[in-house]
């Protein structure tokens, strides 16, 4: 499977010279690595239980990549989920958060073998 990559930075020291989607939201710096890589994608994942267990599986995946500390990431996901559910019609959910537990920004994907409400 080939995953998309972000365009290389222009090398400018001015973070405003890069497109807004490449700038790190907290620091204004350009993201210099791929947000998603093959180690952040798992297909046909057997759900470990309810939505909270699946969110834990997602935190496990990101933590295994070294991009975040698992427990802090999970706490961030759960705090965000408590504010407003991230599930959408069509069987898609986008758990997300901002937390100091993240060392490098990342996008991760789990495709479940069976749906979870």
PDB file of N, CA and C in Angstrom:
ATOM      1  N   UNK A   1       0.847  -1.166   0.000  1.00  0.00           N
ATOM      2  CA  UNK A   1       0.000   0.000   0.000  1.00  0.00           C
ATOM      3  C   UNK A   1       0.894   1.229   0.000  1.00  0.00           C
ATOM      4  N   UNK A   2       0.585   2.151  -0.861  1.00  0.00           N
ATOM      5  CA  UNK A   2       1.341   3.393  -0.931  1.00  0.00           C
ATOM      6  C   UNK A   2       0.552   4.479  -0.226  1.00  0.00           C
ATOM      7  N   UNK A   3       1.199   5.161   0.697  1.00  0.00           N
ATOM      8  CA  UNK A   3       0.546   6.221   1.452  1.00  0.00           C
ATOM      9  C   UNK A   3       1.031   7.571   0.955  1.00  0.00           C
ATOM     10  N   UNK A   4       0.144   8.585   0.988  1.00  0.00           N
ATOM     11  CA  UNK A   4       0.555   9.914   0.538  1.00  0.00           C
ATOM     12  C   UNK A   4       1.590  10.512   1.473  1.00  0.00           C
ATOM     13  N   UNK A   5       2.403  11.372   0.920  1.00  0.00           N
ATOM     14  CA  UNK A   5       3.376  12.107   1.724  1.00  0.00           C
ATOM     15  C   UNK A   5       3.136  13.589   1.532  1.00  0.00           C
ATOM     16  N   UNK A   6       3.588  14.365   2.495  1.00  0.00           N
ATOM     17  CA  UNK A   6       3.459  15.810   2.410  1.00  0.00           C
ATOM     18  C   UNK A   6       4.564  16.372   1.537  1.00  0.00           C
ATOM     19  N   UNK A   7       4.291  17.466   0.839  1.00  0.00           N
ATOM     20  CA  UNK A   7       5.345  18.095   0.058  1.00  0.00           C
ATOM     21  C   UNK A   7       6.479  18.554   0.962  1.00  0.00           C
ATOM     22  N   UNK A   8       7.681  18.567   0.440  1.00  0.00           N
ATOM     23  CA  UNK A   8       8.843  19.021   1.210  1.00  0.00           C
ATOM     24  C   UNK A   8       8.715  20.502   1.499  1.00  0.00           C
ATOM     25  N   UNK A   9       9.269  20.905   2.622  1.00  0.00           N
ATOM     26  CA  UNK A   9       9.270  22.307   3.016  1.00  0.00           C
ATOM     27  C   UNK A   9      10.104  23.110   2.032  1.00  0.00           C
ATOM     28  N   UNK A  10       9.732  24.371   1.862  1.00  0.00           N
ATOM     29  CA  UNK A  10      10.474  25.245   0.957  1.00  0.00           C
ATOM     30  C   UNK A  10      11.841  25.614   1.518  1.00  0.00           C
ATOM     31  N   UNK A  11      12.091  25.280   2.786  1.00  0.00           N
ATOM     32  CA  UNK A  11      13.361  25.598   3.409  1.00  0.00           C
ATOM     33  C   UNK A  11      13.409  26.991   3.990  1.00  0.00           C
ATOM     34  N   UNK A  12      12.342  27.732   3.848  1.00  0.00           N
ATOM     35  CA  UNK A  12      12.292  29.091   4.365  1.00  0.00           C
ATOM     36  C   UNK A  12      12.268  29.062   5.889  1.00  0.00           C
ATOM     37  N   UNK A  13      12.952  29.995   6.511  1.00  0.00           N
ATOM     38  CA  UNK A  13      12.910  30.082   7.967  1.00  0.00           C
ATOM     39  C   UNK A  13      11.648  30.796   8.436  1.00  0.00           C
ATOM     40  N   UNK A  14      10.883  31.338   7.522  1.00  0.00           N
ATOM     41  CA  UNK A  14       9.632  32.015   7.848  1.00  0.00           C
ATOM     42  C   UNK A  14       8.497  31.004   7.817  1.00  0.00           C
ATOM     43  N   UNK A  15       7.913  30.641   8.993  1.00  0.00           N
ATOM     44  CA  UNK A  15       6.863  29.633   9.000  1.00  0.00           C
ATOM     45  C   UNK A  15       5.637  30.069   8.215  1.00  0.00           C
ATOM     46  N   UNK A  16       5.431  31.365   8.044  1.00  0.00           N
ATOM     47  CA  UNK A  16       4.282  31.828   7.280  1.00  0.00           C
ATOM     48  C   UNK A  16       4.452  31.553   5.783  1.00  0.00           C
ATOM     49  N   UNK A  17       5.670  31.221   5.333  1.00  0.00           N
ATOM     50  CA  UNK A  17       5.906  30.930   3.931  1.00  0.00           C
ATOM     51  C   UNK A  17       5.366  29.553   3.554  1.00  0.00           C
ATOM     52  N   UNK A  18       5.128  28.692   4.503  1.00  0.00           N
ATOM     53  CA  UNK A  18       4.597  27.361   4.240  1.00  0.00           C
ATOM     54  C   UNK A  18       3.081  27.394   4.280  1.00  0.00           C
ATOM     55  N   UNK A  19       2.430  26.491   3.542  1.00  0.00           N
ATOM     56  CA  UNK A  19       0.965  26.427   3.627  1.00  0.00           C
ATOM     57  C   UNK A  19       0.523  26.205   5.066  1.00  0.00           C
ATOM     58  N   UNK A  20      -0.648  26.748   5.429  1.00  0.00           N
ATOM     59  CA  UNK A  20      -1.120  26.659   6.811  1.00  0.00           C
ATOM     60  C   UNK A  20      -1.231  25.228   7.302  1.00  0.00           C
ATOM     61  N   UNK A  21      -1.537  24.263   6.432  1.00  0.00           N
ATOM     62  CA  UNK A  21      -1.721  22.886   6.876  1.00  0.00           C
ATOM     63  C   UNK A  21      -0.403  22.193   7.161  1.00  0.00           C
ATOM     64  N   UNK A  22       0.719  22.820   6.811  1.00  0.00           N
ATOM     65  CA  UNK A  22       2.020  22.249   7.132  1.00  0.00           C
ATOM     66  C   UNK A  22       2.608  22.816   8.417  1.00  0.00           C
ATOM     67  N   UNK A  23       2.031  23.901   8.920  1.00  0.00           N
ATOM     68  CA  UNK A  23       2.582  24.518  10.120  1.00  0.00           C
ATOM     69  C   UNK A  23       2.032  23.853  11.365  1.00  0.00           C
ATOM     70  N   UNK A  24       2.896  23.593  12.312  1.00  0.00           N
ATOM     71  CA  UNK A  24       2.489  23.023  13.593  1.00  0.00           C
ATOM     72  C   UNK A  24       1.643  24.070  14.299  1.00  0.00           C
ATOM     73  N   UNK A  25       0.423  23.708  14.756  1.00  0.00           N
ATOM     74  CA  UNK A  25      -0.486  24.712  15.302  1.00  0.00           C
ATOM     75  C   UNK A  25       0.001  25.405  16.564  1.00  0.00           C
ATOM     76  N   UNK A  26       0.820  24.753  17.366  1.00  0.00           N
ATOM     77  CA  UNK A  26       1.253  25.371  18.616  1.00  0.00           C
ATOM     78  C   UNK A  26       2.533  26.155  18.464  1.00  0.00           C
ATOM     79  N   UNK A  27       3.365  25.786  17.517  1.00  0.00           N
ATOM     80  CA  UNK A  27       4.677  26.400  17.425  1.00  0.00           C
ATOM     81  C   UNK A  27       4.867  27.246  16.173  1.00  0.00           C
ATOM     82  N   UNK A  28       3.969  27.107  15.195  1.00  0.00           N
ATOM     83  CA  UNK A  28       4.121  27.848  13.965  1.00  0.00           C
ATOM     84  C   UNK A  28       5.249  27.335  13.091  1.00  0.00           C
ATOM     85  N   UNK A  29       5.797  26.158  13.400  1.00  0.00           N
ATOM     86  CA  UNK A  29       6.889  25.601  12.622  1.00  0.00           C
ATOM     87  C   UNK A  29       6.354  24.630  11.580  1.00  0.00           C
ATOM     88  N   UNK A  30       7.129  24.368  10.573  1.00  0.00           N
ATOM     89  CA  UNK A  30       6.731  23.459   9.517  1.00  0.00           C
ATOM     90  C   UNK A  30       6.911  22.013   9.970  1.00  0.00           C
ATOM     91  N   UNK A  31       5.920  21.179   9.679  1.00  0.00           N
ATOM     92  CA  UNK A  31       6.018  19.754   9.973  1.00  0.00           C
ATOM     93  C   UNK A  31       6.978  19.149   8.951  1.00  0.00           C
ATOM     94  N   UNK A  32       8.023  18.487   9.431  1.00  0.00           N
ATOM     95  CA  UNK A  32       9.063  18.008   8.529  1.00  0.00           C
ATOM     96  C   UNK A  32       9.054  16.498   8.363  1.00  0.00           C
ATOM     97  N   UNK A  33       7.985  15.833   8.764  1.00  0.00           N
ATOM     98  CA  UNK A  33       7.911  14.389   8.623  1.00  0.00           C
ATOM     99  C   UNK A  33       6.518  14.014   8.136  1.00  0.00           C
ATOM    100  N   UNK A  34       6.358  12.791   7.700  1.00  0.00           N
ATOM    101  CA  UNK A  34       5.061  12.322   7.246  1.00  0.00           C
ATOM    102  C   UNK A  34       4.104  12.220   8.423  1.00  0.00           C
ATOM    103  N   UNK A  35       2.911  12.749   8.264  1.00  0.00           N
ATOM    104  CA  UNK A  35       1.906  12.643   9.317  1.00  0.00           C
ATOM    105  C   UNK A  35       1.388  11.217   9.441  1.00  0.00           C
ATOM    106  N   UNK A  36       1.312  10.510   8.322  1.00  0.00           N
ATOM    107  CA  UNK A  36       0.831   9.137   8.342  1.00  0.00           C
ATOM    108  C   UNK A  36       1.819   8.258   7.587  1.00  0.00           C
ATOM    109  N   UNK A  37       2.136   7.138   8.189  1.00  0.00           N
ATOM    110  CA  UNK A  37       3.040   6.160   7.590  1.00  0.00           C
ATOM    111  C   UNK A  37       2.396   4.786   7.733  1.00  0.00           C
ATOM    112  N   UNK A  38       2.950   3.797   7.085  1.00  0.00           N
ATOM    113  CA  UNK A  38       2.347   2.459   7.099  1.00  0.00           C
ATOM    114  C   UNK A  38       2.242   1.877   8.502  1.00  0.00           C
ATOM    115  N   UNK A  39       3.119   2.274   9.418  1.00  0.00           N
ATOM    116  CA  UNK A  39       3.019   1.747  10.783  1.00  0.00           C
ATOM    117  C   UNK A  39       1.887   2.386  11.577  1.00  0.00           C
ATOM    118  N   UNK A  40       1.233   3.395  11.005  1.00  0.00           N
ATOM    119  CA  UNK A  40       0.101   4.045  11.659  1.00  0.00           C
ATOM    120  C   UNK A  40      -1.241   3.632  11.041  1.00  0.00           C
ATOM    121  N   UNK A  41      -1.215   2.593  10.219  1.00  0.00           N
ATOM    122  CA  UNK A  41      -2.432   2.111   9.562  1.00  0.00           C
ATOM    123  C   UNK A  41      -2.576   0.619   9.841  1.00  0.00           C
ATOM    124  N   UNK A  42      -3.735   0.221  10.340  1.00  0.00           N
ATOM    125  CA  UNK A  42      -4.045  -1.195  10.527  1.00  0.00           C
ATOM    126  C   UNK A  42      -5.427  -1.456   9.944  1.00  0.00           C
ATOM    127  N   UNK A  43      -5.524  -2.515   9.164  1.00  0.00           N
ATOM    128  CA  UNK A  43      -6.769  -2.893   8.509  1.00  0.00           C
ATOM    129  C   UNK A  43      -7.320  -4.171   9.114  1.00  0.00           C
ATOM    130  N   UNK A  44      -8.636  -4.319   9.046  1.00  0.00           N
ATOM    131  CA  UNK A  44      -9.335  -5.506   9.542  1.00  0.00           C
ATOM    132  C   UNK A  44      -8.997  -5.785  11.013  1.00  0.00           C
ATOM    133  N   UNK A  45      -9.018  -4.745  11.811  1.00  0.00           N
ATOM    134  CA  UNK A  45      -8.726  -4.833  13.237  1.00  0.00           C
ATOM    135  C   UNK A  45      -9.953  -5.388  13.966  1.00  0.00           C
ATOM    136  N   UNK A  46      -9.740  -6.382  14.799  1.00  0.00           N
ATOM    137  CA  UNK A  46     -10.814  -6.926  15.620  1.00  0.00           C
ATOM    138  C   UNK A  46     -11.011  -5.979  16.799  1.00  0.00           C
ATOM    139  N   UNK A  47     -12.227  -5.401  16.928  1.00  0.00           N
ATOM    140  CA  UNK A  47     -12.450  -4.466  18.033  1.00  0.00           C
ATOM    141  C   UNK A  47     -12.292  -5.158  19.377  1.00  0.00           C
ATOM    142  N   UNK A  48     -11.655  -4.464  20.315  1.00  0.00           N
ATOM    143  CA  UNK A  48     -11.417  -5.028  21.652  1.00  0.00           C
ATOM    144  C   UNK A  48     -12.639  -4.896  22.554  1.00  0.00           C
ATOM    145  N   UNK A  49     -13.689  -4.249  22.078  1.00  0.00           N
ATOM    146  CA  UNK A  49     -14.889  -4.046  22.892  1.00  0.00           C
ATOM    147  C   UNK A  49     -15.670  -2.860  22.376  1.00  0.00           C
ATOM    148  N   UNK A  50     -16.117  -1.999  23.285  1.00  0.00           N
ATOM    149  CA  UNK A  50     -16.907  -0.827  22.916  1.00  0.00           C
ATOM    150  C   UNK A  50     -16.022   0.268  22.328  1.00  0.00           C
ATOM    151  N   UNK A  51     -16.632   1.436  22.079  1.00  0.00           N
ATOM    152  CA  UNK A  51     -15.868   2.518  21.446  1.00  0.00           C
ATOM    153  C   UNK A  51     -14.668   2.942  22.281  1.00  0.00           C
ATOM    154  N   UNK A  52     -14.774   2.875  23.587  1.00  0.00           N
ATOM    155  CA  UNK A  52     -13.652   3.261  24.441  1.00  0.00           C
ATOM    156  C   UNK A  52     -12.481   2.289  24.290  1.00  0.00           C
ATOM    157  N   UNK A  53     -12.786   1.020  24.134  1.00  0.00           N
ATOM    158  CA  UNK A  53     -11.726   0.022  23.911  1.00  0.00           C
ATOM    159  C   UNK A  53     -11.049   0.254  22.559  1.00  0.00           C
ATOM    160  N   UNK A  54     -11.834   0.619  21.549  1.00  0.00           N
ATOM    161  CA  UNK A  54     -11.267   0.884  20.216  1.00  0.00           C
ATOM    162  C   UNK A  54     -10.398   2.136  20.251  1.00  0.00           C
ATOM    163  N   UNK A  55     -10.841   3.155  20.979  1.00  0.00           N
ATOM    164  CA  UNK A  55     -10.016   4.358  21.139  1.00  0.00           C
ATOM    165  C   UNK A  55      -8.701   3.989  21.818  1.00  0.00           C
ATOM    166  N   UNK A  56      -8.746   3.055  22.761  1.00  0.00           N
ATOM    167  CA  UNK A  56      -7.523   2.555  23.389  1.00  0.00           C
ATOM    168  C   UNK A  56      -6.624   1.858  22.383  1.00  0.00           C
ATOM    169  N   UNK A  57      -7.215   1.108  21.462  1.00  0.00           N
ATOM    170  CA  UNK A  57      -6.426   0.454  20.416  1.00  0.00           C
ATOM    171  C   UNK A  57      -5.739   1.494  19.525  1.00  0.00           C
ATOM    172  N   UNK A  58      -6.445   2.580  19.245  1.00  0.00           N
ATOM    173  CA  UNK A  58      -5.850   3.649  18.447  1.00  0.00           C
ATOM    174  C   UNK A  58      -4.681   4.292  19.197  1.00  0.00           C
ATOM    175  N   UNK A  59      -4.862   4.531  20.492  1.00  0.00           N
ATOM    176  CA  UNK A  59      -3.772   5.088  21.312  1.00  0.00           C
ATOM    177  C   UNK A  59      -2.581   4.129  21.331  1.00  0.00           C
ATOM    178  N   UNK A  60      -2.845   2.829  21.399  1.00  0.00           N
ATOM    179  CA  UNK A  60      -1.770   1.833  21.360  1.00  0.00           C
ATOM    180  C   UNK A  60      -0.975   1.947  20.065  1.00  0.00           C
ATOM    181  N   UNK A  61      -1.698   2.090  18.945  1.00  0.00           N
ATOM    182  CA  UNK A  61      -1.052   2.162  17.634  1.00  0.00           C
ATOM    183  C   UNK A  61      -0.140   3.385  17.545  1.00  0.00           C
ATOM    184  N   UNK A  62      -0.646   4.541  17.958  1.00  0.00           N
ATOM    185  CA  UNK A  62       0.158   5.766  17.887  1.00  0.00           C
ATOM    186  C   UNK A  62       1.358   5.671  18.835  1.00  0.00           C
ATOM    187  N   UNK A  63       1.134   5.162  20.027  1.00  0.00           N
ATOM    188  CA  UNK A  63       2.228   5.030  20.995  1.00  0.00           C
ATOM    189  C   UNK A  63       3.301   4.070  20.490  1.00  0.00           C
ATOM    190  N   UNK A  64       2.885   2.994  19.839  1.00  0.00           N
ATOM    191  CA  UNK A  64       3.857   2.030  19.313  1.00  0.00           C
ATOM    192  C   UNK A  64       4.763   2.657  18.258  1.00  0.00           C
ATOM    193  N   UNK A  65       4.295   3.709  17.606  1.00  0.00           N
ATOM    194  CA  UNK A  65       5.114   4.395  16.600  1.00  0.00           C
ATOM    195  C   UNK A  65       6.140   5.325  17.248  1.00  0.00           C
ATOM    196  N   UNK A  66       5.994   5.549  18.563  1.00  0.00           N
ATOM    197  CA  UNK A  66       6.903   6.444  19.272  1.00  0.00           C
ATOM    198  C   UNK A  66       6.501   7.903  19.189  1.00  0.00           C
ATOM    199  N   UNK A  67       5.344   8.181  18.615  1.00  0.00           N
ATOM    200  CA  UNK A  67       4.922   9.574  18.437  1.00  0.00           C
ATOM    201  C   UNK A  67       4.181  10.149  19.635  1.00  0.00           C
ATOM    202  N   UNK A  68       3.785   9.300  20.577  1.00  0.00           N
ATOM    203  CA  UNK A  68       3.043   9.792  21.737  1.00  0.00           C
ATOM    204  C   UNK A  68       3.201   8.832  22.895  1.00  0.00           C
ATOM    205  N   UNK A  69       2.959   9.348  24.085  1.00  0.00           N
ATOM    206  CA  UNK A  69       2.913   8.540  25.302  1.00  0.00           C
ATOM    207  C   UNK A  69       1.475   8.040  25.421  1.00  0.00           C
ATOM    208  N   UNK A  70       1.285   6.731  25.512  1.00  0.00           N
ATOM    209  CA  UNK A  70      -0.010   6.088  25.390  1.00  0.00           C
ATOM    210  C   UNK A  70      -1.056   6.593  26.383  1.00  0.00           C
ATOM    211  N   UNK A  71      -0.745   6.591  27.664  1.00  0.00           N
ATOM    212  CA  UNK A  71      -1.753   6.943  28.666  1.00  0.00           C
ATOM    213  C   UNK A  71      -2.206   8.395  28.540  1.00  0.00           C
ATOM    214  N   UNK A  72      -1.282   9.295  28.280  1.00  0.00           N
ATOM    215  CA  UNK A  72      -1.643  10.698  28.096  1.00  0.00           C
ATOM    216  C   UNK A  72      -2.462  10.912  26.836  1.00  0.00           C
ATOM    217  N   UNK A  73      -2.105  10.198  25.766  1.00  0.00           N
ATOM    218  CA  UNK A  73      -2.864  10.288  24.527  1.00  0.00           C
ATOM    219  C   UNK A  73      -4.271   9.757  24.728  1.00  0.00           C
ATOM    220  N   UNK A  74      -4.389   8.609  25.390  1.00  0.00           N
ATOM    221  CA  UNK A  74      -5.706   8.041  25.662  1.00  0.00           C
ATOM    222  C   UNK A  74      -6.547   8.996  26.505  1.00  0.00           C
ATOM    223  N   UNK A  75      -5.946   9.603  27.510  1.00  0.00           N
ATOM    224  CA  UNK A  75      -6.672  10.574  28.337  1.00  0.00           C
ATOM    225  C   UNK A  75      -7.152  11.756  27.496  1.00  0.00           C
ATOM    226  N   UNK A  76      -6.316  12.210  26.573  1.00  0.00           N
ATOM    227  CA  UNK A  76      -6.707  13.299  25.678  1.00  0.00           C
ATOM    228  C   UNK A  76      -7.846  12.902  24.764  1.00  0.00           C
ATOM    229  N   UNK A  77      -7.757  11.704  24.182  1.00  0.00           N
ATOM    230  CA  UNK A  77      -8.842  11.195  23.339  1.00  0.00           C
ATOM    231  C   UNK A  77     -10.144  11.130  24.130  1.00  0.00           C
ATOM    232  N   UNK A  78     -10.084  10.572  25.328  1.00  0.00           N
ATOM    233  CA  UNK A  78     -11.296  10.390  26.136  1.00  0.00           C
ATOM    234  C   UNK A  78     -11.877  11.729  26.594  1.00  0.00           C
ATOM    235  N   UNK A  79     -11.018  12.685  26.935  1.00  0.00           N
ATOM    236  CA  UNK A  79     -11.505  14.014  27.329  1.00  0.00           C
ATOM    237  C   UNK A  79     -12.224  14.677  26.162  1.00  0.00           C
ATOM    238  N   UNK A  80     -11.659  14.551  24.971  1.00  0.00           N
ATOM    239  CA  UNK A  80     -12.291  15.119  23.773  1.00  0.00           C
ATOM    240  C   UNK A  80     -13.605  14.405  23.491  1.00  0.00           C
ATOM    241  N   UNK A  81     -13.628  13.093  23.609  1.00  0.00           N
ATOM    242  CA  UNK A  81     -14.830  12.295  23.356  1.00  0.00           C
ATOM    243  C   UNK A  81     -15.937  12.664  24.355  1.00  0.00           C
ATOM    244  N   UNK A  82     -15.573  13.009  25.579  1.00  0.00           N
ATOM    245  CA  UNK A  82     -16.564  13.390  26.592  1.00  0.00           C
ATOM    246  C   UNK A  82     -17.228  14.734  26.247  1.00  0.00           C
ATOM    247  N   UNK A  83     -16.513  15.598  25.534  1.00  0.00           N
ATOM    248  CA  UNK A  83     -17.077  16.888  25.135  1.00  0.00           C
ATOM    249  C   UNK A  83     -18.126  16.712  24.042  1.00  0.00           C
ATOM    250  N   UNK A  84     -17.818  15.870  23.064  1.00  0.00           N
ATOM    251  CA  UNK A  84     -18.709  15.635  21.937  1.00  0.00           C
ATOM    252  C   UNK A  84     -18.204  14.387  21.223  1.00  0.00           C
ATOM    253  N   UNK A  85     -19.086  13.450  20.988  1.00  0.00           N
ATOM    254  CA  UNK A  85     -18.692  12.197  20.337  1.00  0.00           C
ATOM    255  C   UNK A  85     -18.089  12.465  18.965  1.00  0.00           C
ATOM    256  N   UNK A  86     -17.055  11.730  18.619  1.00  0.00           N
ATOM    257  CA  UNK A  86     -16.373  11.923  17.349  1.00  0.00           C
ATOM    258  C   UNK A  86     -16.892  10.994  16.254  1.00  0.00           C
ATOM    259  N   UNK A  87     -17.893  10.166  16.578  1.00  0.00           N
ATOM    260  CA  UNK A  87     -18.501   9.299  15.582  1.00  0.00           C
ATOM    261  C   UNK A  87     -19.389  10.093  14.645  1.00  0.00           C
ATOM    262  N   UNK A  88     -19.423   9.667  13.381  1.00  0.00           N
ATOM    263  CA  UNK A  88     -20.233  10.332  12.365  1.00  0.00           C
ATOM    264  C   UNK A  88     -21.069   9.291  11.632  1.00  0.00           C
ATOM    265  N   UNK A  89     -22.106   9.736  10.938  1.00  0.00           N
ATOM    266  CA  UNK A  89     -22.885   8.794  10.133  1.00  0.00           C
ATOM    267  C   UNK A  89     -21.985   8.093   9.111  1.00  0.00           C
ATOM    268  N   UNK A  90     -22.317   6.870   8.800  1.00  0.00           N
ATOM    269  CA  UNK A  90     -21.547   6.133   7.801  1.00  0.00           C
ATOM    270  C   UNK A  90     -20.486   5.237   8.398  1.00  0.00           C
ATOM    271  N   UNK A  91     -20.456   5.126   9.722  1.00  0.00           N
ATOM    272  CA  UNK A  91     -19.507   4.211  10.341  1.00  0.00           C
ATOM    273  C   UNK A  91     -18.101   4.747  10.469  1.00  0.00           C
ATOM    274  N   UNK A  92     -17.955   6.053  10.552  1.00  0.00           N
ATOM    275  CA  UNK A  92     -16.629   6.675  10.665  1.00  0.00           C
ATOM    276  C   UNK A  92     -16.553   7.425  11.991  1.00  0.00           C
ATOM    277  N   UNK A  93     -15.417   7.356  12.635  1.00  0.00           N
ATOM    278  CA  UNK A  93     -15.152   8.166  13.823  1.00  0.00           C
ATOM    279  C   UNK A  93     -13.754   8.754  13.667  1.00  0.00           C
ATOM    280  N   UNK A  94     -13.588   9.950  14.175  1.00  0.00           N
ATOM    281  CA  UNK A  94     -12.285  10.613  14.094  1.00  0.00           C
ATOM    282  C   UNK A  94     -11.878  11.083  15.481  1.00  0.00           C
ATOM    283  N   UNK A  95     -11.458  10.141  16.344  1.00  0.00           N
ATOM    284  CA  UNK A  95     -10.951  10.549  17.656  1.00  0.00           C
ATOM    285  C   UNK A  95      -9.717  11.436  17.457  1.00  0.00           C
ATOM    286  N   UNK A  96      -9.674  12.526  18.189  1.00  0.00           N
ATOM    287  CA  UNK A  96      -8.555  13.448  18.059  1.00  0.00           C
ATOM    288  C   UNK A  96      -8.415  14.271  19.329  1.00  0.00           C
ATOM    289  N   UNK A  97      -7.238  14.847  19.506  1.00  0.00           N
ATOM    290  CA  UNK A  97      -7.006  15.701  20.665  1.00  0.00           C
ATOM    291  C   UNK A  97      -5.697  16.447  20.497  1.00  0.00           C
ATOM    292  N   UNK A  98      -5.514  17.417  21.371  1.00  0.00           N
ATOM    293  CA  UNK A  98      -4.217  18.092  21.524  1.00  0.00           C
ATOM    294  C   UNK A  98      -3.785  17.812  22.943  1.00  0.00           C
ATOM    295  N   UNK A  99      -2.593  17.294  23.093  1.00  0.00           N
ATOM    296  CA  UNK A  99      -2.082  16.960  24.418  1.00  0.00           C
ATOM    297  C   UNK A  99      -0.564  17.000  24.407  1.00  0.00           C
ATOM    298  N   UNK A 100       0.001  17.303  25.546  1.00  0.00           N
ATOM    299  CA  UNK A 100       1.463  17.298  25.682  1.00  0.00           C
ATOM    300  C   UNK A 100       2.025  15.890  25.558  1.00  0.00           C
ATOM    301  N   UNK A 101       1.173  14.874  25.596  1.00  0.00           N
ATOM    302  CA  UNK A 101       1.625  13.487  25.456  1.00  0.00           C
ATOM    303  C   UNK A 101       2.085  13.174  24.035  1.00  0.00           C
ATOM    304  N   UNK A 102       1.745  14.043  23.086  1.00  0.00           N
ATOM    305  CA  UNK A 102       2.145  13.836  21.691  1.00  0.00           C
ATOM    306  C   UNK A 102       3.530  14.425  21.475  1.00  0.00           C
ATOM    307  N   UNK A 103       4.443  13.590  20.983  1.00  0.00           N
ATOM    308  CA  UNK A 103       5.812  14.026  20.687  1.00  0.00           C
ATOM    309  C   UNK A 103       5.948  14.506  19.254  1.00  0.00           C
ATOM    310  N   UNK A 104       5.202  13.877  18.332  1.00  0.00           N
ATOM    311  CA  UNK A 104       5.187  14.236  16.915  1.00  0.00           C
ATOM    312  C   UNK A 104       3.753  14.139  16.431  1.00  0.00           C
ATOM    313  N   UNK A 105       3.280  15.122  15.676  1.00  0.00           N
ATOM    314  CA  UNK A 105       1.925  15.021  15.132  1.00  0.00           C
ATOM    315  C   UNK A 105       1.776  13.753  14.300  1.00  0.00           C
ATOM    316  N   UNK A 106       0.588  13.161  14.335  1.00  0.00           N
ATOM    317  CA  UNK A 106       0.371  11.912  13.613  1.00  0.00           C
ATOM    318  C   UNK A 106      -1.092  11.764  13.225  1.00  0.00           C
ATOM    319  N   UNK A 107      -1.312  11.091  12.127  1.00  0.00           N
ATOM    320  CA  UNK A 107      -2.631  10.608  11.732  1.00  0.00           C
ATOM    321  C   UNK A 107      -2.537   9.096  11.733  1.00  0.00           C
ATOM    322  N   UNK A 108      -3.472   8.455  12.385  1.00  0.00           N
ATOM    323  CA  UNK A 108      -3.489   6.996  12.435  1.00  0.00           C
ATOM    324  C   UNK A 108      -4.861   6.508  12.008  1.00  0.00           C
ATOM    325  N   UNK A 109      -4.920   5.289  11.497  1.00  0.00           N
ATOM    326  CA  UNK A 109      -6.186   4.750  11.033  1.00  0.00           C
ATOM    327  C   UNK A 109      -6.324   3.290  11.420  1.00  0.00           C
ATOM    328  N   UNK A 110      -7.486   2.978  11.971  1.00  0.00           N
ATOM    329  CA  UNK A 110      -7.875   1.594  12.198  1.00  0.00           C
ATOM    330  C   UNK A 110      -9.128   1.343  11.368  1.00  0.00           C
ATOM    331  N   UNK A 111      -9.134   0.306  10.566  1.00  0.00           N
ATOM    332  CA  UNK A 111     -10.362  -0.128   9.911  1.00  0.00           C
ATOM    333  C   UNK A 111     -10.793  -1.398  10.603  1.00  0.00           C
ATOM    334  N   UNK A 112     -11.953  -1.343  11.246  1.00  0.00           N
ATOM    335  CA  UNK A 112     -12.425  -2.459  12.056  1.00  0.00           C
ATOM    336  C   UNK A 112     -13.016  -3.566  11.189  1.00  0.00           C
ATOM    337  N   UNK A 113     -12.839  -4.796  11.642  1.00  0.00           N
ATOM    338  CA  UNK A 113     -13.404  -5.946  10.932  1.00  0.00           C
ATOM    339  C   UNK A 113     -14.906  -6.036  11.133  1.00  0.00           C
ATOM    340  N   UNK A 114     -15.391  -5.532  12.251  1.00  0.00           N
ATOM    341  CA  UNK A 114     -16.824  -5.457  12.527  1.00  0.00           C
ATOM    342  C   UNK A 114     -17.116  -4.096  13.150  1.00  0.00           C
ATOM    343  N   UNK A 115     -18.285  -3.534  12.894  1.00  0.00           N
ATOM    344  CA  UNK A 115     -18.594  -2.184  13.398  1.00  0.00           C
ATOM    345  C   UNK A 115     -18.738  -2.139  14.919  1.00  0.00           C
ATOM    346  N   UNK A 116     -18.492  -0.965  15.473  1.00  0.00           N
ATOM    347  CA  UNK A 116     -18.685  -0.683  16.886  1.00  0.00           C
ATOM    348  C   UNK A 116     -19.559   0.567  16.958  1.00  0.00           C
ATOM    349  N   UNK A 117     -20.597   0.521  17.792  1.00  0.00           N
ATOM    350  CA  UNK A 117     -21.491   1.675  17.920  1.00  0.00           C
ATOM    351  C   UNK A 117     -20.779   2.810  18.634  1.00  0.00           C
TER     352      UNK A 117
END
